[in-house]
Structures are given as C-alpha cells and as structure tokens.
C-alpha cells in the first residue's frame, strides 16, 4: 500500500436472514422502484455502511465520506465490493417479510 492509501472498514450482511427490518424495508423499496440488482447492491453498500458520495473525483472516481473520514472510491472498487452482496440475486431459503407496515403488524400464524 502506498502512503496515500486508506483502509475503510465496511460490514455487510452475508445472507437474507442477517438483514435487519430497516435493511429489509430499504431493500424491498429499491426492488419495488425497479432498480437493477447491481444498482440495488450499490445503494445498499453505501446506505448500510453510511457512506456518502460528495462529488466526482477525476475520470473514474468519487470523493466519499464515512463519518469524518474522506476517501476516493473508483468504480472498479465499488464493483468488487458489491460482489459480497451477490446472494441478493437468489431467493431466501426462509421467507423474509416486514414485521410492521404502518400501524399493521404481521402475525406469526401468517407464515404457516
């Protein structure tokens, strides 16, 4: 690593069952809006890790911010990172649903 390199820790769920209700809601919202799976994975990567894009940086980069840390991400780095979310392409083994929509709550018996 050169002296200008930074390491940014990101954490991503590794399976459907690891998603929080907030993550499920965001994911389903993106899917319902018709985004491609790669767009969904990219939005989730940024949202779930609280990474903001500040502006374009050069021809192939983006100045980003996570907390107080600023760094440049390239499109290639983003493409490599979203590969960790490839499991979103397949259906979950266990049904995934929102436990609450508005004031309505899901019933346990609804899953049987």
N, C-alpha and C. Protein backbone atom coordinates (compact mmCIF):
# COMPACT_ATOMS: atom_id res chain seq x y z
N UNK A 1 0.83 -1.18 0.00
CA UNK A 1 0.00 0.00 0.00
C UNK A 1 0.88 1.24 0.00
N UNK A 2 0.50 2.22 -0.84
CA UNK A 2 1.28 3.45 -0.82
C UNK A 2 0.82 4.34 0.33
N UNK A 3 1.57 5.42 0.57
CA UNK A 3 1.29 6.27 1.73
C UNK A 3 -0.05 6.99 1.63
N UNK A 4 -0.62 7.13 0.43
CA UNK A 4 -1.90 7.81 0.26
C UNK A 4 -3.09 6.86 0.38
N UNK A 5 -2.85 5.57 0.53
CA UNK A 5 -3.94 4.60 0.62
C UNK A 5 -4.60 4.66 1.99
N UNK A 6 -5.91 4.42 1.99
CA UNK A 6 -6.66 4.36 3.23
C UNK A 6 -7.42 3.05 3.25
N UNK A 7 -7.67 2.57 4.44
CA UNK A 7 -8.48 1.39 4.62
C UNK A 7 -9.78 1.81 5.28
N UNK A 8 -10.88 1.45 4.67
CA UNK A 8 -12.20 1.75 5.20
C UNK A 8 -12.89 0.43 5.49
N UNK A 9 -13.28 0.24 6.73
CA UNK A 9 -13.98 -0.99 7.11
C UNK A 9 -15.45 -0.89 6.71
N UNK A 10 -15.90 -1.89 6.00
CA UNK A 10 -17.33 -1.98 5.67
C UNK A 10 -17.85 -3.31 6.18
N UNK A 11 -19.10 -3.30 6.58
CA UNK A 11 -19.74 -4.52 7.07
C UNK A 11 -21.01 -4.72 6.27
N UNK A 12 -21.19 -5.92 5.79
CA UNK A 12 -22.38 -6.26 5.01
C UNK A 12 -22.96 -7.57 5.50
N UNK A 13 -24.29 -7.69 5.49
CA UNK A 13 -24.89 -8.98 5.81
C UNK A 13 -24.45 -10.02 4.78
N UNK A 14 -24.43 -11.28 5.20
CA UNK A 14 -23.96 -12.33 4.29
C UNK A 14 -25.09 -13.26 3.82
N UNK A 15 -26.30 -13.01 4.33
CA UNK A 15 -27.45 -13.83 3.92
C UNK A 15 -28.73 -13.08 4.27
N UNK A 16 -29.82 -13.49 3.67
CA UNK A 16 -31.11 -12.85 3.88
C UNK A 16 -31.48 -12.77 5.36
N UNK A 17 -31.24 -13.84 6.08
CA UNK A 17 -31.63 -13.91 7.49
C UNK A 17 -30.89 -12.92 8.38
N UNK A 18 -29.78 -12.37 7.90
CA UNK A 18 -28.99 -11.41 8.68
C UNK A 18 -29.50 -9.98 8.55
N UNK A 19 -30.44 -9.74 7.63
CA UNK A 19 -30.93 -8.38 7.42
C UNK A 19 -31.79 -7.91 8.59
N UNK A 20 -31.61 -6.66 8.98
CA UNK A 20 -32.48 -6.05 9.97
C UNK A 20 -33.78 -5.64 9.28
N UNK A 21 -34.79 -5.31 10.03
CA UNK A 21 -36.05 -4.86 9.45
C UNK A 21 -35.83 -3.57 8.64
N UNK A 22 -34.98 -2.71 9.11
CA UNK A 22 -34.69 -1.47 8.40
C UNK A 22 -34.02 -1.77 7.04
N UNK A 23 -33.12 -2.73 7.03
CA UNK A 23 -32.45 -3.12 5.79
C UNK A 23 -33.43 -3.80 4.83
N UNK A 24 -34.32 -4.64 5.35
CA UNK A 24 -35.33 -5.31 4.52
C UNK A 24 -36.23 -4.26 3.87
N UNK A 25 -36.67 -3.29 4.64
CA UNK A 25 -37.55 -2.23 4.12
C UNK A 25 -36.84 -1.46 3.00
N UNK A 26 -35.59 -1.08 3.22
CA UNK A 26 -34.84 -0.34 2.20
C UNK A 26 -34.66 -1.19 0.95
N UNK A 27 -34.27 -2.44 1.12
CA UNK A 27 -34.06 -3.36 0.00
C UNK A 27 -35.33 -3.54 -0.81
N UNK A 28 -36.45 -3.82 -0.15
CA UNK A 28 -37.72 -4.02 -0.85
C UNK A 28 -38.18 -2.74 -1.56
N UNK A 29 -37.90 -1.59 -0.96
CA UNK A 29 -38.25 -0.31 -1.59
C UNK A 29 -37.48 -0.14 -2.91
N UNK A 30 -36.19 -0.45 -2.90
CA UNK A 30 -35.39 -0.34 -4.12
C UNK A 30 -35.88 -1.31 -5.19
N UNK A 31 -36.18 -2.54 -4.79
CA UNK A 31 -36.66 -3.54 -5.74
C UNK A 31 -37.99 -3.09 -6.34
N UNK A 32 -38.88 -2.58 -5.49
CA UNK A 32 -40.20 -2.12 -5.96
C UNK A 32 -40.08 -0.93 -6.91
N UNK A 33 -39.03 -0.14 -6.77
CA UNK A 33 -38.83 1.01 -7.64
C UNK A 33 -38.21 0.63 -8.98
N UNK A 34 -37.89 -0.66 -9.16
CA UNK A 34 -37.44 -1.15 -10.45
C UNK A 34 -35.95 -1.02 -10.73
N UNK A 35 -35.14 -0.85 -9.70
CA UNK A 35 -33.70 -0.78 -9.93
C UNK A 35 -33.15 -2.15 -10.30
N UNK A 36 -32.07 -2.17 -11.07
CA UNK A 36 -31.41 -3.44 -11.40
C UNK A 36 -30.74 -3.99 -10.14
N UNK A 37 -30.40 -5.26 -10.15
CA UNK A 37 -29.80 -5.88 -8.97
C UNK A 37 -28.46 -5.22 -8.64
N UNK A 38 -27.68 -4.84 -9.64
CA UNK A 38 -26.40 -4.18 -9.36
C UNK A 38 -26.62 -2.79 -8.75
N UNK A 39 -27.65 -2.09 -9.20
CA UNK A 39 -27.98 -0.79 -8.60
C UNK A 39 -28.43 -0.98 -7.15
N UNK A 40 -29.24 -1.98 -6.92
CA UNK A 40 -29.72 -2.27 -5.57
C UNK A 40 -28.53 -2.58 -4.65
N UNK A 41 -27.63 -3.44 -5.11
CA UNK A 41 -26.46 -3.80 -4.30
C UNK A 41 -25.60 -2.57 -4.01
N UNK A 42 -25.45 -1.69 -4.99
CA UNK A 42 -24.64 -0.48 -4.80
C UNK A 42 -25.28 0.46 -3.80
N UNK A 43 -26.59 0.71 -3.96
CA UNK A 43 -27.29 1.56 -3.00
C UNK A 43 -27.18 0.98 -1.58
N UNK A 44 -27.36 -0.33 -1.46
CA UNK A 44 -27.29 -0.98 -0.14
C UNK A 44 -25.88 -0.87 0.45
N UNK A 45 -24.86 -1.09 -0.35
CA UNK A 45 -23.48 -0.96 0.12
C UNK A 45 -23.27 0.41 0.76
N UNK A 46 -23.70 1.45 0.05
CA UNK A 46 -23.49 2.80 0.56
C UNK A 46 -24.37 3.10 1.77
N UNK A 47 -25.65 2.78 1.70
CA UNK A 47 -26.58 3.09 2.79
C UNK A 47 -26.22 2.33 4.06
N UNK A 48 -26.02 1.02 3.93
CA UNK A 48 -25.79 0.18 5.10
C UNK A 48 -24.46 0.47 5.78
N UNK A 49 -23.53 1.11 5.06
CA UNK A 49 -22.24 1.47 5.64
C UNK A 49 -22.09 2.96 5.88
N UNK A 50 -23.19 3.69 5.69
CA UNK A 50 -23.21 5.14 5.94
C UNK A 50 -22.10 5.87 5.17
N UNK A 51 -21.97 5.50 3.89
CA UNK A 51 -21.01 6.15 3.00
C UNK A 51 -21.77 7.12 2.12
N UNK A 52 -21.31 8.35 2.07
CA UNK A 52 -21.92 9.38 1.22
C UNK A 52 -20.98 9.72 0.09
N UNK A 53 -21.54 9.93 -1.11
CA UNK A 53 -20.74 10.41 -2.23
C UNK A 53 -20.82 11.93 -2.20
N UNK A 54 -19.66 12.57 -2.15
CA UNK A 54 -19.62 14.02 -2.10
C UNK A 54 -19.59 14.63 -3.50
N UNK A 55 -18.75 14.06 -4.39
CA UNK A 55 -18.67 14.54 -5.76
C UNK A 55 -17.76 13.62 -6.57
N UNK A 56 -17.81 13.82 -7.90
CA UNK A 56 -16.91 13.05 -8.77
C UNK A 56 -15.48 13.48 -8.50
N UNK A 57 -14.57 12.56 -8.71
CA UNK A 57 -13.16 12.83 -8.48
C UNK A 57 -12.39 12.28 -9.67
N UNK A 58 -11.97 13.13 -10.56
CA UNK A 58 -11.28 12.68 -11.77
C UNK A 58 -12.23 11.99 -12.73
N UNK A 59 -11.67 11.17 -13.59
CA UNK A 59 -12.47 10.50 -14.61
C UNK A 59 -13.21 9.27 -14.10
N UNK A 60 -12.67 8.59 -13.09
CA UNK A 60 -13.23 7.31 -12.70
C UNK A 60 -13.37 7.16 -11.19
N UNK A 61 -13.45 8.26 -10.48
CA UNK A 61 -13.51 8.15 -9.03
C UNK A 61 -14.58 9.03 -8.43
N UNK A 62 -14.84 8.78 -7.16
CA UNK A 62 -15.83 9.54 -6.41
C UNK A 62 -15.25 9.86 -5.04
N UNK A 63 -15.32 11.13 -4.65
CA UNK A 63 -14.91 11.51 -3.31
C UNK A 63 -16.06 11.13 -2.39
N UNK A 64 -15.75 10.32 -1.38
CA UNK A 64 -16.77 9.81 -0.47
C UNK A 64 -16.43 10.18 0.96
N UNK A 65 -17.42 9.97 1.81
CA UNK A 65 -17.25 10.29 3.22
C UNK A 65 -17.95 9.23 4.05
N UNK A 66 -17.26 8.78 5.08
CA UNK A 66 -17.84 7.86 6.07
C UNK A 66 -17.42 8.40 7.43
N UNK A 67 -18.38 8.89 8.17
CA UNK A 67 -18.03 9.56 9.42
C UNK A 67 -17.25 10.82 9.09
N UNK A 68 -16.10 10.96 9.70
CA UNK A 68 -15.25 12.13 9.42
C UNK A 68 -14.20 11.82 8.35
N UNK A 69 -14.13 10.57 7.97
CA UNK A 69 -13.12 10.12 7.01
C UNK A 69 -13.54 10.41 5.57
N UNK A 70 -12.65 10.99 4.79
CA UNK A 70 -12.89 11.23 3.36
C UNK A 70 -11.94 10.36 2.57
N UNK A 71 -12.43 9.83 1.45
CA UNK A 71 -11.63 8.92 0.64
C UNK A 71 -12.18 8.88 -0.77
N UNK A 72 -11.38 8.36 -1.68
CA UNK A 72 -11.78 8.23 -3.08
C UNK A 72 -12.07 6.76 -3.36
N UNK A 73 -13.21 6.51 -3.98
CA UNK A 73 -13.57 5.17 -4.45
C UNK A 73 -13.65 5.19 -5.96
N UNK A 74 -13.11 4.16 -6.59
CA UNK A 74 -13.25 4.05 -8.04
C UNK A 74 -14.44 3.14 -8.35
N UNK A 75 -14.90 3.20 -9.57
CA UNK A 75 -16.00 2.33 -10.00
C UNK A 75 -15.60 0.86 -9.86
N UNK A 76 -14.35 0.55 -10.14
CA UNK A 76 -13.87 -0.83 -10.00
C UNK A 76 -13.94 -1.29 -8.54
N UNK A 77 -13.56 -0.44 -7.61
CA UNK A 77 -13.63 -0.80 -6.20
C UNK A 77 -15.07 -1.05 -5.76
N UNK A 78 -15.98 -0.23 -6.24
CA UNK A 78 -17.39 -0.42 -5.91
C UNK A 78 -17.88 -1.75 -6.48
N UNK A 79 -17.53 -2.02 -7.74
CA UNK A 79 -17.94 -3.28 -8.38
C UNK A 79 -17.40 -4.49 -7.62
N UNK A 80 -16.17 -4.40 -7.14
CA UNK A 80 -15.60 -5.50 -6.37
C UNK A 80 -16.31 -5.65 -5.03
N UNK A 81 -16.67 -4.54 -4.40
CA UNK A 81 -17.32 -4.59 -3.09
C UNK A 81 -18.74 -5.15 -3.16
N UNK A 82 -19.48 -4.77 -4.20
CA UNK A 82 -20.88 -5.24 -4.27
C UNK A 82 -20.98 -6.73 -4.57
N UNK A 83 -19.88 -7.33 -5.00
CA UNK A 83 -19.88 -8.78 -5.23
C UNK A 83 -20.20 -9.53 -3.94
N UNK A 84 -19.91 -8.91 -2.79
CA UNK A 84 -20.21 -9.53 -1.49
C UNK A 84 -21.73 -9.65 -1.27
N UNK A 85 -22.51 -8.92 -2.06
CA UNK A 85 -23.97 -8.97 -1.93
C UNK A 85 -24.63 -9.79 -3.04
N UNK A 86 -23.86 -10.61 -3.73
CA UNK A 86 -24.40 -11.43 -4.82
C UNK A 86 -25.51 -12.37 -4.34
N UNK A 87 -25.54 -12.70 -3.07
CA UNK A 87 -26.58 -13.58 -2.53
C UNK A 87 -27.97 -12.96 -2.66
N UNK A 88 -28.04 -11.64 -2.88
CA UNK A 88 -29.34 -10.98 -3.06
C UNK A 88 -30.01 -11.39 -4.38
N UNK A 89 -29.24 -11.97 -5.30
CA UNK A 89 -29.79 -12.39 -6.59
C UNK A 89 -30.71 -13.61 -6.46
N UNK A 90 -30.53 -14.39 -5.39
CA UNK A 90 -31.33 -15.60 -5.24
C UNK A 90 -32.39 -15.40 -4.15
N UNK A 91 -33.41 -16.21 -4.22
CA UNK A 91 -34.49 -16.13 -3.24
C UNK A 91 -34.01 -16.65 -1.88
N UNK A 92 -34.52 -16.09 -0.81
CA UNK A 92 -34.11 -16.57 0.51
C UNK A 92 -34.64 -17.97 0.79
N UNK A 93 -33.92 -18.73 1.59
CA UNK A 93 -34.34 -20.08 1.97
C UNK A 93 -35.57 -19.99 2.88
N UNK A 94 -35.52 -19.03 3.80
CA UNK A 94 -36.62 -18.79 4.73
C UNK A 94 -37.34 -17.53 4.26
N UNK A 95 -38.67 -17.52 4.25
CA UNK A 95 -39.38 -16.32 3.82
C UNK A 95 -38.99 -15.09 4.64
N UNK A 96 -38.79 -13.99 3.97
CA UNK A 96 -38.41 -12.73 4.61
C UNK A 96 -39.57 -11.76 4.43
N UNK A 97 -39.96 -11.10 5.49
CA UNK A 97 -41.06 -10.15 5.38
C UNK A 97 -40.84 -9.02 6.38
N UNK A 98 -41.57 -7.95 6.15
CA UNK A 98 -41.58 -6.85 7.09
C UNK A 98 -42.48 -7.22 8.25
N UNK A 99 -42.05 -6.98 9.46
CA UNK A 99 -42.85 -7.29 10.63
C UNK A 99 -43.93 -6.24 10.87
N UNK A 100 -43.73 -5.04 10.29
CA UNK A 100 -44.68 -3.96 10.51
C UNK A 100 -44.71 -3.06 9.28
N UNK A 101 -45.91 -2.72 8.83
CA UNK A 101 -46.10 -1.75 7.76
C UNK A 101 -47.12 -0.74 8.29
N UNK A 102 -46.66 0.49 8.48
CA UNK A 102 -47.54 1.49 9.09
C UNK A 102 -47.88 1.06 10.50
N UNK A 103 -49.17 1.00 10.80
CA UNK A 103 -49.60 0.56 12.14
C UNK A 103 -49.95 -0.92 12.17
N UNK A 104 -49.84 -1.60 11.06
CA UNK A 104 -50.20 -3.02 10.98
C UNK A 104 -48.99 -3.91 11.24
N UNK A 105 -49.21 -4.95 12.01
CA UNK A 105 -48.15 -5.90 12.33
C UNK A 105 -48.47 -7.26 11.72
N UNK A 106 -47.41 -7.96 11.29
CA UNK A 106 -47.57 -9.31 10.77
C UNK A 106 -47.87 -10.26 11.92
N UNK A 107 -48.67 -11.27 11.65
CA UNK A 107 -48.99 -12.28 12.66
C UNK A 107 -48.11 -13.49 12.42
N UNK A 108 -47.74 -14.15 13.50
CA UNK A 108 -46.94 -15.37 13.40
C UNK A 108 -47.66 -16.41 12.56
N UNK A 109 -48.95 -16.57 12.72
CA UNK A 109 -49.71 -17.59 12.01
C UNK A 109 -49.75 -17.33 10.51
N UNK A 110 -49.43 -16.11 10.06
CA UNK A 110 -49.43 -15.79 8.64
C UNK A 110 -48.33 -16.54 7.90
N UNK A 111 -47.33 -16.99 8.59
CA UNK A 111 -46.20 -17.66 7.94
C UNK A 111 -46.47 -19.15 7.74
N UNK A 112 -47.49 -19.69 8.35
CA UNK A 112 -47.76 -21.13 8.27
C UNK A 112 -48.60 -21.46 7.06
